[in-house]
Amino acid sequence: MENYAELLDTLAQQEKDLQFTAFSSDTALALGLKLVDLAKAGNKIITINITVNSKVLFHHAMQGASADQADWIRRKNNVVARFGRCSFYVGIDHKHRGVVFEDIKYLDPKDHAANGGAFPITLRGTGIIGTVTVSGLRQAEDHALAVEALRAVLV
């Protein structure tokens, strides 16, 4: 069994550390292109979405990406919007508490996926303004790729 408490601490620290002082369309482009470069370097096929204030600033489906990845992105983004945490944190938190996320009556699984890959775009002093989302890999890999790109762009 995984150490959920330790993983939740790590995810919470990432959310705290990976915040912006400003975010623009140019920042979204840099972040999106960084994700493309990381995916290509690792021979990974993903779909990337960066949305701020309900406006898509970057979206790219790599050659060979599945058409359903866009729906996974929508569902993961809904989890970030609903819970104010990265989608991986929400899924792990529910597992840690012994709750099956898909069984929550007020959250339709057709619209919500607590799987890793959607990370909040947060402005320090303001709060969450959007998401950067990766889909196409195992959930921990989707999450790790988003975090790696955020770290690179925030440097």
C-alpha atoms as a PDB file:
ATOM      1  CA  MET A   1       0.000   0.000   0.000  1.00  0.00           C
ATOM      2  CA  GLU A   2       1.230   3.445  -0.876  1.00  0.00           C
ATOM      3  CA  ASN A   3       2.061   6.032   1.740  1.00  0.00           C
ATOM      4  CA  TYR A   4      -0.805   8.365   0.876  1.00  0.00           C
ATOM      5  CA  ALA A   5      -0.089  10.832   3.698  1.00  0.00           C
ATOM      6  CA  GLU A   6       3.467  11.391   2.486  1.00  0.00           C
ATOM      7  CA  LEU A   7       2.323  11.788  -1.126  1.00  0.00           C
ATOM      8  CA  LEU A   8      -0.365  14.285  -0.064  1.00  0.00           C
ATOM      9  CA  ASP A   9       2.308  16.333   1.758  1.00  0.00           C
ATOM     10  CA  THR A  10       4.464  16.341  -1.379  1.00  0.00           C
ATOM     11  CA  LEU A  11       1.549  17.395  -3.582  1.00  0.00           C
ATOM     12  CA  ALA A  12       0.520  20.161  -1.177  1.00  0.00           C
ATOM     13  CA  GLN A  13       4.110  21.461  -1.147  1.00  0.00           C
ATOM     14  CA  GLN A  14       4.164  21.484  -4.959  1.00  0.00           C
ATOM     15  CA  GLU A  15       0.948  23.525  -4.997  1.00  0.00           C
ATOM     16  CA  LYS A  16       2.497  25.979  -2.551  1.00  0.00           C
ATOM     17  CA  ASP A  17       5.819  26.254  -4.388  1.00  0.00           C
ATOM     18  CA  LEU A  18       4.615  26.365  -7.993  1.00  0.00           C
ATOM     19  CA  GLN A  19       2.843  29.717  -8.045  1.00  0.00           C
ATOM     20  CA  PHE A  20       3.229  32.649 -10.399  1.00  0.00           C
ATOM     21  CA  THR A  21       3.583  36.363  -9.699  1.00  0.00           C
ATOM     22  CA  ALA A  22       2.143  37.061 -13.177  1.00  0.00           C
ATOM     23  CA  PHE A  23       0.666  34.906 -15.941  1.00  0.00           C
ATOM     24  CA  SER A  24      -0.019  35.911 -19.547  1.00  0.00           C
ATOM     25  CA  SER A  25      -0.650  34.331 -22.929  1.00  0.00           C
ATOM     26  CA  ASP A  26       3.121  34.380 -23.447  1.00  0.00           C
ATOM     27  CA  THR A  27       3.596  32.458 -20.194  1.00  0.00           C
ATOM     28  CA  ALA A  28       1.028  29.893 -21.366  1.00  0.00           C
ATOM     29  CA  LEU A  29       2.848  29.520 -24.668  1.00  0.00           C
ATOM     30  CA  ALA A  30       6.206  29.017 -22.929  1.00  0.00           C
ATOM     31  CA  LEU A  31       4.675  26.467 -20.566  1.00  0.00           C
ATOM     32  CA  GLY A  32       2.887  24.628 -23.354  1.00  0.00           C
ATOM     33  CA  LEU A  33       5.974  24.473 -25.553  1.00  0.00           C
ATOM     34  CA  LYS A  34       8.038  23.253 -22.590  1.00  0.00           C
ATOM     35  CA  LEU A  35       5.549  20.417 -22.126  1.00  0.00           C
ATOM     36  CA  VAL A  36       5.783  19.554 -25.828  1.00  0.00           C
ATOM     37  CA  ASP A  37       9.593  19.476 -25.594  1.00  0.00           C
ATOM     38  CA  LEU A  38       9.545  17.299 -22.461  1.00  0.00           C
ATOM     39  CA  ALA A  39       7.079  14.877 -24.033  1.00  0.00           C
ATOM     40  CA  LYS A  40       9.090  14.612 -27.242  1.00  0.00           C
ATOM     41  CA  ALA A  41      12.323  14.068 -25.288  1.00  0.00           C
ATOM     42  CA  GLY A  42      10.666  11.210 -23.414  1.00  0.00           C
ATOM     43  CA  ASN A  43       8.918   9.757 -26.491  1.00  0.00           C
ATOM     44  CA  LYS A  44       5.553  10.375 -24.838  1.00  0.00           C
ATOM     45  CA  ILE A  45       2.292  11.053 -26.658  1.00  0.00           C
ATOM     46  CA  ILE A  46       0.105  13.493 -24.745  1.00  0.00           C
ATOM     47  CA  THR A  47      -2.491  16.192 -25.061  1.00  0.00           C
ATOM     48  CA  ILE A  48      -1.793  19.502 -23.304  1.00  0.00           C
ATOM     49  CA  ASN A  49      -4.261  22.175 -22.261  1.00  0.00           C
ATOM     50  CA  ILE A  50      -3.667  25.499 -20.524  1.00  0.00           C
ATOM     51  CA  THR A  51      -6.807  27.393 -19.590  1.00  0.00           C
ATOM     52  CA  VAL A  52      -7.026  30.681 -17.666  1.00  0.00           C
ATOM     53  CA  ASN A  53     -10.318  32.251 -16.585  1.00  0.00           C
ATOM     54  CA  SER A  54     -12.236  29.806 -18.810  1.00  0.00           C
ATOM     55  CA  LYS A  55     -10.186  30.864 -21.858  1.00  0.00           C
ATOM     56  CA  VAL A  56      -8.013  28.265 -23.592  1.00  0.00           C
ATOM     57  CA  LEU A  57      -4.570  29.827 -24.059  1.00  0.00           C
ATOM     58  CA  PHE A  58      -2.796  26.677 -25.295  1.00  0.00           C
ATOM     59  CA  HIS A  59      -4.001  23.303 -26.529  1.00  0.00           C
ATOM     60  CA  HIS A  60      -1.963  20.721 -28.385  1.00  0.00           C
ATOM     61  CA  ALA A  61      -2.616  17.051 -29.152  1.00  0.00           C
ATOM     62  CA  MET A  62       0.554  15.288 -30.228  1.00  0.00           C
ATOM     63  CA  GLN A  63       0.543  13.005 -33.248  1.00  0.00           C
ATOM     64  CA  GLY A  64      -1.007   9.713 -32.140  1.00  0.00           C
ATOM     65  CA  ALA A  65      -2.872  11.187 -29.166  1.00  0.00           C
ATOM     66  CA  SER A  66      -6.250   9.682 -28.421  1.00  0.00           C
ATOM     67  CA  ALA A  67      -9.351  11.751 -29.140  1.00  0.00           C
ATOM     68  CA  ASP A  68     -10.701  11.049 -25.637  1.00  0.00           C
ATOM     69  CA  GLN A  69      -7.788  12.855 -23.974  1.00  0.00           C
ATOM     70  CA  ALA A  70      -9.585  16.179 -24.458  1.00  0.00           C
ATOM     71  CA  ASP A  71     -12.492  14.836 -22.412  1.00  0.00           C
ATOM     72  CA  TRP A  72     -10.126  13.606 -19.691  1.00  0.00           C
ATOM     73  CA  ILE A  73      -8.685  17.134 -19.596  1.00  0.00           C
ATOM     74  CA  ARG A  74     -12.159  18.648 -19.213  1.00  0.00           C
ATOM     75  CA  ARG A  75     -13.023  16.253 -16.393  1.00  0.00           C
ATOM     76  CA  LYS A  76      -9.689  16.782 -14.565  1.00  0.00           C
ATOM     77  CA  ASN A  77     -10.052  20.562 -14.914  1.00  0.00           C
ATOM     78  CA  ASN A  78     -13.519  20.347 -13.359  1.00  0.00           C
ATOM     79  CA  VAL A  79     -11.965  18.673 -10.309  1.00  0.00           C
ATOM     80  CA  VAL A  80      -9.440  21.506  -9.889  1.00  0.00           C
ATOM     81  CA  ALA A  81     -12.232  24.071 -10.246  1.00  0.00           C
ATOM     82  CA  ARG A  82     -14.454  22.246  -7.729  1.00  0.00           C
ATOM     83  CA  PHE A  83     -11.843  21.413  -5.062  1.00  0.00           C
ATOM     84  CA  GLY A  84      -9.155  24.095  -5.578  1.00  0.00           C
ATOM     85  CA  ARG A  85      -6.406  21.461  -5.581  1.00  0.00           C
ATOM     86  CA  CYS A  86      -4.508  19.556  -8.247  1.00  0.00           C
ATOM     87  CA  SER A  87      -6.529  16.612  -9.559  1.00  0.00           C
ATOM     88  CA  PHE A  88      -3.910  14.126  -8.317  1.00  0.00           C
ATOM     89  CA  TYR A  89      -4.205  15.480  -4.760  1.00  0.00           C
ATOM     90  CA  VAL A  90      -7.994  15.117  -4.825  1.00  0.00           C
ATOM     91  CA  GLY A  91      -7.819  11.513  -6.041  1.00  0.00           C
ATOM     92  CA  ILE A  92      -5.140  10.499  -3.532  1.00  0.00           C
ATOM     93  CA  ASP A  93      -6.943  12.284  -0.700  1.00  0.00           C
ATOM     94  CA  HIS A  94     -10.097  10.316  -1.401  1.00  0.00           C
ATOM     95  CA  LYS A  95      -8.146   7.029  -1.523  1.00  0.00           C
ATOM     96  CA  HIS A  96      -6.409   7.968   1.744  1.00  0.00           C
ATOM     97  CA  ARG A  97      -9.817   8.484   3.376  1.00  0.00           C
ATOM     98  CA  GLY A  98     -11.190   5.242   1.900  1.00  0.00           C
ATOM     99  CA  VAL A  99     -13.690   7.054  -0.320  1.00  0.00           C
ATOM    100  CA  VAL A 100     -14.278   5.974  -3.916  1.00  0.00           C
ATOM    101  CA  PHE A 101     -14.330   9.280  -5.799  1.00  0.00           C
ATOM    102  CA  GLU A 102     -16.544   7.913  -8.570  1.00  0.00           C
ATOM    103  CA  ASP A 103     -19.194   6.956  -5.984  1.00  0.00           C
ATOM    104  CA  ILE A 104     -19.748  10.529  -4.770  1.00  0.00           C
ATOM    105  CA  LYS A 105     -23.386  11.147  -5.657  1.00  0.00           C
ATOM    106  CA  TYR A 106     -23.161  14.896  -6.313  1.00  0.00           C
ATOM    107  CA  LEU A 107     -20.179  14.604  -8.701  1.00  0.00           C
ATOM    108  CA  ASP A 108     -21.029  12.925 -11.988  1.00  0.00           C
ATOM    109  CA  PRO A 109     -18.042  10.835 -13.189  1.00  0.00           C
ATOM    110  CA  LYS A 110     -18.912  11.959 -16.734  1.00  0.00           C
ATOM    111  CA  ASP A 111     -17.858  15.455 -15.645  1.00  0.00           C
ATOM    112  CA  HIS A 112     -15.220  14.851 -12.939  1.00  0.00           C
ATOM    113  CA  ALA A 113     -12.017  12.768 -12.946  1.00  0.00           C
ATOM    114  CA  ALA A 114      -9.790  12.844  -9.864  1.00  0.00           C
ATOM    115  CA  ASN A 115      -6.827  11.526 -11.819  1.00  0.00           C
ATOM    116  CA  GLY A 116      -3.423  13.159 -11.947  1.00  0.00           C
ATOM    117  CA  GLY A 117      -2.572  15.665 -14.632  1.00  0.00           C
ATOM    118  CA  ALA A 118      -4.478  18.890 -13.909  1.00  0.00           C
ATOM    119  CA  PHE A 119      -2.469  21.374 -11.866  1.00  0.00           C
ATOM    120  CA  PRO A 120      -3.802  24.753 -10.739  1.00  0.00           C
ATOM    121  CA  ILE A 121      -2.269  27.904 -12.181  1.00  0.00           C
ATOM    122  CA  THR A 122      -2.085  30.063  -9.096  1.00  0.00           C
ATOM    123  CA  LEU A 123      -1.156  33.734  -8.789  1.00  0.00           C
ATOM    124  CA  ARG A 124       0.481  34.563  -5.456  1.00  0.00           C
ATOM    125  CA  GLY A 125      -1.837  36.755  -3.463  1.00  0.00           C
ATOM    126  CA  THR A 126      -4.735  36.171  -5.865  1.00  0.00           C
ATOM    127  CA  GLY A 127      -5.467  32.442  -6.027  1.00  0.00           C
ATOM    128  CA  ILE A 128      -6.223  29.928  -8.732  1.00  0.00           C
ATOM    129  CA  ILE A 129      -6.820  31.457 -12.155  1.00  0.00           C
ATOM    130  CA  GLY A 130      -6.675  28.349 -14.322  1.00  0.00           C
ATOM    131  CA  THR A 131      -5.086  24.992 -15.027  1.00  0.00           C
ATOM    132  CA  VAL A 132      -2.258  23.349 -16.877  1.00  0.00           C
ATOM    133  CA  THR A 133      -3.332  19.837 -17.774  1.00  0.00           C
ATOM    134  CA  VAL A 134      -1.621  16.815 -19.294  1.00  0.00           C
ATOM    135  CA  SER A 135      -3.424  13.688 -20.464  1.00  0.00           C
ATOM    136  CA  GLY A 136      -2.268  10.502 -22.108  1.00  0.00           C
ATOM    137  CA  LEU A 137       0.029   8.814 -19.606  1.00  0.00           C
ATOM    138  CA  ARG A 138      -0.461   7.126 -16.248  1.00  0.00           C
ATOM    139  CA  GLN A 139      -1.826   9.669 -13.796  1.00  0.00           C
ATOM    140  CA  ALA A 140       1.403  10.028 -11.802  1.00  0.00           C
ATOM    141  CA  GLU A 141       3.308  10.636 -15.060  1.00  0.00           C
ATOM    142  CA  ASP A 142       0.780  13.206 -16.289  1.00  0.00           C
ATOM    143  CA  HIS A 143       1.164  15.030 -12.963  1.00  0.00           C
ATOM    144  CA  ALA A 144       4.975  14.766 -12.926  1.00  0.00           C
ATOM    145  CA  LEU A 145       5.263  16.158 -16.458  1.00  0.00           C
ATOM    146  CA  ALA A 146       3.089  19.171 -15.581  1.00  0.00           C
ATOM    147  CA  VAL A 147       5.163  19.806 -12.441  1.00  0.00           C
ATOM    148  CA  GLU A 148       8.460  19.508 -14.323  1.00  0.00           C
ATOM    149  CA  ALA A 149       7.311  22.047 -16.927  1.00  0.00           C
ATOM    150  CA  LEU A 150       6.022  24.433 -14.254  1.00  0.00           C
ATOM    151  CA  ARG A 151       9.363  24.265 -12.423  1.00  0.00           C
ATOM    152  CA  ALA A 152      11.235  25.006 -15.662  1.00  0.00           C
ATOM    153  CA  VAL A 153       9.064  27.992 -16.580  1.00  0.00           C
ATOM    154  CA  LEU A 154       9.020  29.430 -13.051  1.00  0.00           C
ATOM    155  CA  VAL A 155      12.843  29.530 -12.800  1.00  0.00           C
END
